[in-house]
Amino acid sequence: MDDPNRDTGHRILLVDDEPRIREVVANYLRRDGYLVETAGDGAAARTHLAEFKPDLVVLDLMLPAVSGFEVLSEIRRAGDLPVIVLTARTEESDRVAGLELGADDYVVKPFSPRELVARVRTVLRRATPRPAPGPIDFDGVEIDPGRRVATVAGEPIELTAREFDLLAFFVANARQVFSRGELLERVWGSSAEWQDPATVTVHVRRIRQKMETDLQDPRWIQTVWGVGYRFGS
């Protein structure tokens, strides 16, 4: 049962053009201990991002004036602030588009407010620094879990929180083959049951774009056809 007196210390910005959704979801988040601000359009979201400085954004993609896609792009250009997108679009291509722009998770409308709160907890837990083992490296790729820094041939690469976790898992388990389902379970954890396997495909593609010189013949993240992925040959 939720503790109404619990204070997580985390700030959540909820952006949706439907007042009822904002009211219901904000109440659930506040009952779970979050400080919540809401916005009904992309322009207001920009203002709250600058002034409220949230720890996580729940963002509807279909917004008036300034779209959620545009807001998400601006957030990603500025840094790795965790974002969970809300979408009424059920086609895989639309969900993939949000993930391609850097969303950490997505929820398809209609949705359960309790499920959304659970996803907020999971994404924040993943993005929150915690004691970690020392640096690990393999074939020119070094991961420092404590500082959450990844370098390729000594050069740092910019990764979102989920991309970092996936790459760190690959490096720590080099040469092992994992299916997309196994990667969801091991990296996405408790939120894996809500995820589409395409989520893994999108994140692998984004990591490759940031670290590989030849996307047609990747050096590090290898596709094992019919099975999944392997880090290293």
Protein backbone atom coordinates (compact mmCIF):
# COMPACT_ATOMS: atom_id res chain seq x y z
CA MET A 1 0.00 0.00 0.00
CA ASP A 2 1.26 3.49 -0.87
CA ASP A 3 2.45 5.62 2.04
CA PRO A 4 0.89 9.12 1.69
CA ASN A 5 3.61 10.57 3.89
CA ARG A 6 6.50 9.17 1.88
CA ASP A 7 8.69 11.78 0.19
CA THR A 8 10.99 10.45 -2.51
CA GLY A 9 12.62 13.83 -3.11
CA HIS A 10 12.12 13.36 -6.86
CA ARG A 11 10.43 15.93 -9.12
CA ILE A 12 8.17 14.72 -11.92
CA LEU A 13 6.94 16.86 -14.81
CA LEU A 14 3.73 15.45 -16.32
CA VAL A 15 2.88 16.79 -19.79
CA ASP A 16 -0.48 15.87 -21.33
CA ASP A 17 -3.20 17.90 -23.06
CA GLU A 18 -6.02 15.95 -21.37
CA PRO A 19 -6.92 17.58 -18.00
CA ARG A 20 -8.41 14.37 -16.58
CA ILE A 21 -5.23 12.39 -17.28
CA ARG A 22 -3.12 15.12 -15.68
CA GLU A 23 -5.33 15.14 -12.59
CA VAL A 24 -5.50 11.38 -12.09
CA VAL A 25 -1.85 10.60 -12.82
CA ALA A 26 -0.58 13.55 -10.76
CA ASN A 27 -2.61 12.33 -7.78
CA TYR A 28 -1.17 8.82 -8.07
CA LEU A 29 2.38 10.17 -8.34
CA ARG A 30 1.90 12.50 -5.35
CA ARG A 31 0.51 9.63 -3.27
CA ASP A 32 3.69 7.74 -4.11
CA GLY A 33 5.80 10.58 -2.70
CA TYR A 34 6.73 12.58 -5.80
CA LEU A 35 6.65 16.35 -6.21
CA VAL A 36 4.63 16.90 -9.40
CA GLU A 37 4.15 19.77 -11.82
CA THR A 38 1.85 19.49 -14.85
CA ALA A 39 1.70 21.11 -18.28
CA GLY A 40 -0.98 20.92 -20.96
CA ASP A 41 1.13 21.70 -24.02
CA GLY A 42 4.67 21.74 -25.30
CA ALA A 43 5.24 25.45 -24.72
CA ALA A 44 4.31 25.14 -21.04
CA ALA A 45 6.50 22.05 -20.81
CA ARG A 46 9.50 24.09 -21.95
CA THR A 47 8.87 26.64 -19.20
CA HIS A 48 8.55 23.96 -16.50
CA LEU A 49 11.69 22.19 -17.72
CA ALA A 50 13.66 25.39 -17.18
CA GLU A 51 12.06 26.47 -13.90
CA PHE A 52 10.96 23.24 -12.15
CA LYS A 53 14.06 21.23 -13.16
CA PRO A 54 12.41 17.78 -12.97
CA ASP A 55 14.20 14.49 -12.34
CA LEU A 56 11.92 12.74 -14.85
CA VAL A 57 9.38 13.77 -17.49
CA VAL A 58 6.18 11.90 -18.38
CA LEU A 59 5.47 13.25 -21.87
CA ASP A 60 2.48 12.84 -24.17
CA LEU A 61 3.65 12.76 -27.78
CA MET A 62 0.48 14.28 -29.26
CA LEU A 63 0.46 17.85 -27.93
CA PRO A 64 -0.98 21.07 -29.37
CA ALA A 65 1.30 23.79 -30.78
CA VAL A 66 4.65 22.23 -29.86
CA SER A 67 4.57 18.44 -30.27
CA GLY A 68 5.87 15.96 -27.75
CA PHE A 69 8.34 14.74 -30.36
CA GLU A 70 9.83 18.24 -30.54
CA VAL A 71 9.97 18.57 -26.76
CA LEU A 72 11.67 15.16 -26.50
CA SER A 73 14.24 16.15 -29.12
CA GLU A 74 15.04 19.32 -27.16
CA ILE A 75 15.38 17.36 -23.91
CA ARG A 76 17.81 14.93 -25.54
CA ARG A 77 19.90 17.69 -27.06
CA ALA A 78 20.25 19.17 -23.58
CA GLY A 79 21.19 15.95 -21.74
CA ASP A 80 20.02 12.57 -20.46
CA LEU A 81 16.99 13.56 -18.36
CA PRO A 82 14.83 10.40 -18.10
CA VAL A 83 11.64 10.55 -20.20
CA ILE A 84 8.64 8.21 -20.29
CA VAL A 85 6.44 8.91 -23.30
CA LEU A 86 2.67 8.52 -23.40
CA THR A 87 1.13 7.71 -26.76
CA ALA A 88 -2.25 6.72 -28.13
CA ARG A 89 -0.45 5.35 -31.17
CA THR A 90 -0.29 1.57 -31.07
CA GLU A 91 1.75 0.96 -34.23
CA GLU A 92 5.26 -0.33 -33.53
CA SER A 93 6.73 2.29 -35.89
CA ASP A 94 5.30 5.09 -33.75
CA ARG A 95 6.61 3.59 -30.52
CA VAL A 96 10.00 3.07 -32.17
CA ALA A 97 10.02 6.74 -33.28
CA GLY A 98 9.81 7.85 -29.64
CA LEU A 99 12.54 5.45 -28.62
CA GLU A 100 14.72 6.59 -31.51
CA LEU A 101 14.50 10.14 -30.16
CA GLY A 102 15.79 8.91 -26.81
CA ALA A 103 12.77 8.00 -24.67
CA ASP A 104 13.64 5.70 -21.77
CA ASP A 105 10.24 3.99 -21.77
CA TYR A 106 6.77 4.33 -23.25
CA VAL A 107 3.17 3.74 -22.14
CA VAL A 108 0.32 3.24 -24.59
CA LYS A 109 -3.04 4.85 -23.83
CA PRO A 110 -5.33 3.81 -22.27
CA PHE A 111 -3.10 2.80 -19.37
CA SER A 112 -3.22 1.98 -15.68
CA PRO A 113 -1.97 4.85 -13.46
CA ARG A 114 -0.45 2.24 -11.13
CA GLU A 115 1.51 0.77 -14.03
CA LEU A 116 2.80 4.23 -14.95
CA VAL A 117 3.90 4.90 -11.36
CA ALA A 118 5.72 1.55 -11.33
CA ARG A 119 7.55 2.51 -14.52
CA VAL A 120 8.48 5.89 -13.03
CA ARG A 121 10.03 4.08 -10.04
CA THR A 122 11.95 1.72 -12.32
CA VAL A 123 13.34 4.43 -14.61
CA LEU A 124 14.35 6.65 -11.69
CA ARG A 125 15.99 3.73 -9.88
CA ARG A 126 18.03 3.00 -12.98
CA ALA A 127 19.03 6.65 -13.40
CA THR A 128 19.93 7.18 -9.72
CA PRO A 129 23.66 6.82 -8.95
CA ARG A 130 24.51 3.99 -6.54
CA PRO A 131 27.63 2.17 -5.42
CA ALA A 132 29.13 0.34 -8.37
CA PRO A 133 32.09 -1.90 -9.18
CA GLY A 134 35.26 -0.51 -10.70
CA PRO A 135 35.82 0.12 -14.41
CA ILE A 136 35.61 -2.78 -16.85
CA ASP A 137 36.94 -2.84 -20.38
CA PHE A 138 36.94 -5.03 -23.44
CA ASP A 139 38.59 -4.48 -26.80
CA GLY A 140 38.95 -0.72 -26.49
CA VAL A 141 35.59 -0.09 -24.80
CA GLU A 142 35.79 0.95 -21.14
CA ILE A 143 32.82 1.29 -18.78
CA ASP A 144 33.09 3.11 -15.46
CA PRO A 145 29.87 2.24 -13.57
CA GLY A 146 30.66 4.56 -10.67
CA ARG A 147 30.96 7.67 -12.84
CA ARG A 148 28.59 6.24 -15.50
CA VAL A 149 31.11 7.07 -18.20
CA ALA A 150 31.73 5.03 -21.35
CA THR A 151 34.75 5.51 -23.60
CA VAL A 152 35.70 4.01 -26.95
CA ALA A 153 39.44 4.08 -27.74
CA GLY A 154 39.81 6.59 -24.93
CA GLU A 155 37.11 8.95 -26.25
CA PRO A 156 33.92 9.42 -24.20
CA ILE A 157 30.56 8.75 -25.84
CA GLU A 158 27.27 10.32 -24.76
CA LEU A 159 24.67 7.74 -23.73
CA THR A 160 21.23 7.90 -22.15
CA ALA A 161 20.78 6.08 -18.83
CA ARG A 162 19.25 3.02 -20.52
CA GLU A 163 21.86 2.95 -23.29
CA PHE A 164 24.62 3.04 -20.67
CA ASP A 165 23.07 0.14 -18.74
CA LEU A 166 22.74 -1.95 -21.89
CA LEU A 167 26.30 -1.28 -23.04
CA ALA A 168 27.65 -1.95 -19.53
CA PHE A 169 25.82 -5.29 -19.50
CA PHE A 170 27.27 -6.19 -22.90
CA VAL A 171 30.83 -5.32 -21.88
CA ALA A 172 30.52 -7.20 -18.57
CA ASN A 173 29.28 -10.27 -20.48
CA ALA A 174 31.48 -10.06 -23.58
CA ARG A 175 31.27 -12.87 -26.14
CA GLN A 176 28.03 -14.23 -24.65
CA VAL A 177 24.93 -14.33 -26.86
CA PHE A 178 21.66 -12.94 -25.48
CA SER A 179 18.20 -12.90 -27.04
CA ARG A 180 16.20 -9.70 -27.00
CA GLY A 181 13.95 -11.22 -24.35
CA GLU A 182 16.93 -12.04 -22.13
CA LEU A 183 18.29 -8.51 -22.54
CA LEU A 184 14.92 -7.05 -21.58
CA GLU A 185 14.84 -9.21 -18.46
CA ARG A 186 18.46 -8.54 -17.44
CA VAL A 187 18.68 -4.81 -18.29
CA TRP A 188 15.10 -3.51 -18.12
CA GLY A 189 14.31 -5.58 -15.01
CA SER A 190 10.82 -5.32 -13.56
CA SER A 191 9.53 -3.24 -16.49
CA ALA A 192 10.49 -5.92 -19.03
CA GLU A 193 7.01 -7.46 -19.06
CA TRP A 194 5.61 -4.21 -20.49
CA GLN A 195 8.26 -3.81 -23.16
CA ASP A 196 8.24 -4.72 -26.83
CA PRO A 197 11.37 -6.57 -28.06
CA ALA A 198 11.75 -3.73 -30.58
CA THR A 199 12.90 -1.65 -27.60
CA VAL A 200 16.16 -3.62 -27.53
CA THR A 201 16.61 -3.29 -31.29
CA VAL A 202 16.23 0.49 -31.09
CA HIS A 203 18.69 0.84 -28.20
CA VAL A 204 21.28 -1.36 -29.93
CA ARG A 205 20.95 0.76 -33.07
CA ARG A 206 21.42 3.99 -31.11
CA ILE A 207 24.49 2.65 -29.29
CA ARG A 208 26.01 1.48 -32.58
CA GLN A 209 25.48 4.93 -34.08
CA LYS A 210 27.47 6.42 -31.22
CA MET A 211 30.40 3.98 -31.11
CA GLU A 212 30.76 2.18 -34.44
CA THR A 213 32.55 3.59 -37.49
CA ASP A 214 30.92 1.14 -39.91
CA LEU A 215 27.25 0.41 -39.15
CA GLN A 216 27.10 -2.19 -41.91
CA ASP A 217 29.96 -4.15 -40.31
CA PRO A 218 29.91 -3.35 -36.57
CA ARG A 219 33.04 -4.17 -34.61
CA TRP A 220 31.54 -4.55 -31.14
CA ILE A 221 27.82 -5.32 -30.96
CA GLN A 222 27.31 -8.29 -33.26
CA THR A 223 23.92 -9.50 -34.49
CA VAL A 224 23.58 -13.26 -34.13
CA TRP A 225 20.86 -13.94 -36.68
CA GLY A 226 17.86 -15.80 -35.35
CA VAL A 227 19.11 -15.50 -31.76
CA GLY A 228 20.01 -11.99 -30.60
CA TYR A 229 23.19 -10.05 -29.91
CA ARG A 230 26.75 -10.62 -28.74
CA PHE A 231 29.39 -8.09 -27.68
CA GLY A 232 32.68 -8.92 -29.36
CA SER A 233 33.51 -11.63 -31.86
